[in-house]
Protein backbone atom coordinates (compact mmCIF):
# COMPACT_ATOMS: atom_id res chain seq x y z
CA UNK A 1 0.00 0.00 0.00
CA UNK A 2 1.27 3.44 -0.92
CA UNK A 3 1.81 5.76 2.08
CA UNK A 4 -0.55 8.72 2.10
CA UNK A 5 -0.06 12.01 3.87
CA UNK A 6 -3.15 13.76 5.20
CA UNK A 7 -3.74 17.17 6.73
CA UNK A 8 -4.16 15.82 10.27
CA UNK A 9 -0.67 14.30 10.42
CA UNK A 10 2.03 16.13 12.36
CA UNK A 11 5.11 17.44 10.64
CA UNK A 12 7.19 15.01 12.66
CA UNK A 13 5.15 12.09 11.32
CA UNK A 14 5.47 13.09 7.70
CA UNK A 15 9.15 14.03 7.93
CA UNK A 16 9.91 10.48 9.08
CA UNK A 17 8.22 9.00 6.00
CA UNK A 18 10.78 9.97 3.37
CA UNK A 19 13.70 12.44 3.06
CA UNK A 20 11.99 14.00 0.03
CA UNK A 21 9.24 15.35 2.32
CA UNK A 22 11.66 17.96 3.71
CA UNK A 23 12.54 18.99 0.15
CA UNK A 24 8.89 19.53 -0.79
CA UNK A 25 8.25 21.51 2.39
CA UNK A 26 11.35 23.64 1.72
CA UNK A 27 9.95 24.39 -1.73
CA UNK A 28 6.99 25.97 0.06
CA UNK A 29 9.36 27.95 2.33
CA UNK A 30 8.47 25.74 5.28
CA UNK A 31 11.55 24.97 7.38
CA UNK A 32 9.69 22.33 9.35
CA UNK A 33 12.63 19.97 9.80
CA UNK A 34 14.28 22.45 12.15
CA UNK A 35 11.16 23.79 13.85
CA UNK A 36 10.42 22.89 17.46
CA UNK A 37 6.71 22.85 16.72
CA UNK A 38 7.07 20.00 14.23
CA UNK A 39 6.38 17.42 16.93
CA UNK A 40 2.85 18.64 17.59
CA UNK A 41 1.79 20.93 14.75
CA UNK A 42 -0.43 19.36 12.12
CA UNK A 43 0.08 19.90 8.41
CA UNK A 44 -3.24 21.78 8.19
CA UNK A 45 -2.13 24.21 10.91
CA UNK A 46 1.22 24.86 9.26
CA UNK A 47 -0.33 25.41 5.84
CA UNK A 48 -2.80 27.89 7.31
CA UNK A 49 -0.06 29.73 9.21
CA UNK A 50 1.99 30.03 6.01
CA UNK A 51 -0.99 31.02 3.85
CA UNK A 52 -0.73 27.90 1.69
CA UNK A 53 -3.35 25.89 -0.18
CA UNK A 54 -3.52 22.60 1.75
CA UNK A 55 -4.80 20.66 -1.28
CA UNK A 56 -1.86 21.79 -3.40
CA UNK A 57 0.60 20.96 -0.63
CA UNK A 58 -0.93 17.52 -0.10
CA UNK A 59 -0.81 16.84 -3.84
CA UNK A 60 2.91 17.61 -3.97
CA UNK A 61 3.72 15.67 -0.81
CA UNK A 62 1.79 12.58 -1.86
CA UNK A 63 3.38 12.68 -5.32
CA UNK A 64 6.57 11.50 -3.57
CA UNK A 65 4.94 8.11 -3.04
CA UNK A 66 3.36 7.68 -6.47
CA UNK A 67 4.90 4.98 -8.67
CA UNK A 68 7.19 6.36 -11.35
CA UNK A 69 6.23 5.61 -14.94
């Protein structure tokens, strides 16, 4: 089964899934890997705080886990 990231997951949870997660977040100017709030803050909260579209962010994060063609 392909891992799926959802908006209720904490940054700590998703950062543990794959090193590419940090790269995607950095592309959105989210330095979550070094943030103390990553343990408890949910993706939805972070997207809102940064003024980001959660659906777009989820699309890009979950693309990491899609099979390559």
